Amino acid sequence: MNQRARKMIAASGGDPDNIGPISKLVGVRQGVYGELHPDARALGGMDFIALRQRSVSQRPRRWPAR
């Protein structure tokens, strides 16, 4: 993914050294939710989809203290 993006930037006349690595969405979600609870860093992409499919009333109202 990163290599292809660098090639596309270079092909359009840009400097591929001006961009950083592209993150996968699951890694971003693990980082964000991992700030709320450390176990979230072990969740996979399908785990996040399953959580999203739950209705709001089934989600915790308050996060437990860390």
Protein backbone atom coordinates (compact mmCIF):
# COMPACT_ATOMS: atom_id res chain seq x y z
CA MET A 1 0.00 0.00 0.00
CA ASN A 2 2.72 2.50 0.96
CA GLN A 3 4.91 1.53 -2.00
CA ARG A 4 2.01 1.94 -4.44
CA ALA A 5 1.15 5.37 -2.99
CA ARG A 6 4.77 6.48 -3.34
CA LYS A 7 4.81 5.37 -6.99
CA MET A 8 1.55 7.20 -7.69
CA ILE A 9 2.89 10.41 -6.14
CA ALA A 10 6.13 10.18 -8.12
CA ALA A 11 4.21 9.46 -11.36
CA SER A 12 2.17 12.64 -10.88
CA GLY A 13 5.30 14.75 -10.40
CA GLY A 14 5.24 14.86 -6.60
CA ASP A 15 7.98 14.01 -4.13
CA PRO A 16 7.20 10.70 -2.39
CA ASP A 17 9.64 11.61 0.39
CA ASN A 18 7.17 14.27 1.53
CA ILE A 19 4.67 11.71 2.83
CA GLY A 20 4.82 9.42 5.82
CA PRO A 21 3.58 5.84 6.04
CA ILE A 22 -0.12 5.15 5.49
CA SER A 23 -1.80 3.60 8.53
CA LYS A 24 -4.39 0.85 8.41
CA LEU A 25 -7.76 1.83 9.84
CA VAL A 26 -7.70 -0.99 12.39
CA GLY A 27 -4.40 0.32 13.75
CA VAL A 28 -5.88 3.79 14.14
CA ARG A 29 -8.92 2.39 15.94
CA GLN A 30 -6.75 0.25 18.22
CA GLY A 31 -4.72 3.31 19.14
CA VAL A 32 -7.72 5.54 19.82
CA TYR A 33 -9.78 2.99 21.75
CA GLY A 34 -6.62 1.73 23.45
CA GLU A 35 -6.45 5.10 25.19
CA LEU A 36 -9.81 4.28 26.78
CA HIS A 37 -9.06 0.65 27.60
CA PRO A 38 -5.76 -1.20 27.02
CA ASP A 39 -7.52 -4.42 25.90
CA ALA A 40 -8.84 -2.56 22.83
CA ARG A 41 -5.36 -2.80 21.31
CA ALA A 42 -5.96 -6.55 20.85
CA LEU A 43 -9.22 -6.13 18.91
CA GLY A 44 -9.30 -6.94 15.21
CA GLY A 45 -11.18 -5.27 12.39
CA MET A 46 -14.20 -7.55 12.67
CA ASP A 47 -14.39 -6.87 16.43
CA PHE A 48 -14.79 -3.15 15.73
CA ILE A 49 -17.49 -3.89 13.15
CA ALA A 50 -19.36 -6.07 15.66
CA LEU A 51 -19.19 -3.29 18.27
CA ARG A 52 -20.49 -0.75 15.76
CA GLN A 53 -23.48 -2.96 14.95
CA ARG A 54 -24.72 -2.86 18.55
CA SER A 55 -27.37 -0.30 19.32
CA VAL A 56 -26.40 2.71 21.41
CA SER A 57 -28.53 1.46 24.31
CA GLN A 58 -26.32 -1.67 24.54
CA ARG A 59 -23.11 0.31 24.80
CA PRO A 60 -21.67 1.21 28.21
CA ARG A 61 -22.81 4.61 29.46
CA ARG A 62 -19.62 5.27 31.35
CA TRP A 63 -16.17 3.86 30.90
CA PRO A 64 -14.80 1.99 33.92
CA ALA A 65 -12.00 3.64 35.85
CA ARG A 66 -8.53 2.60 34.81
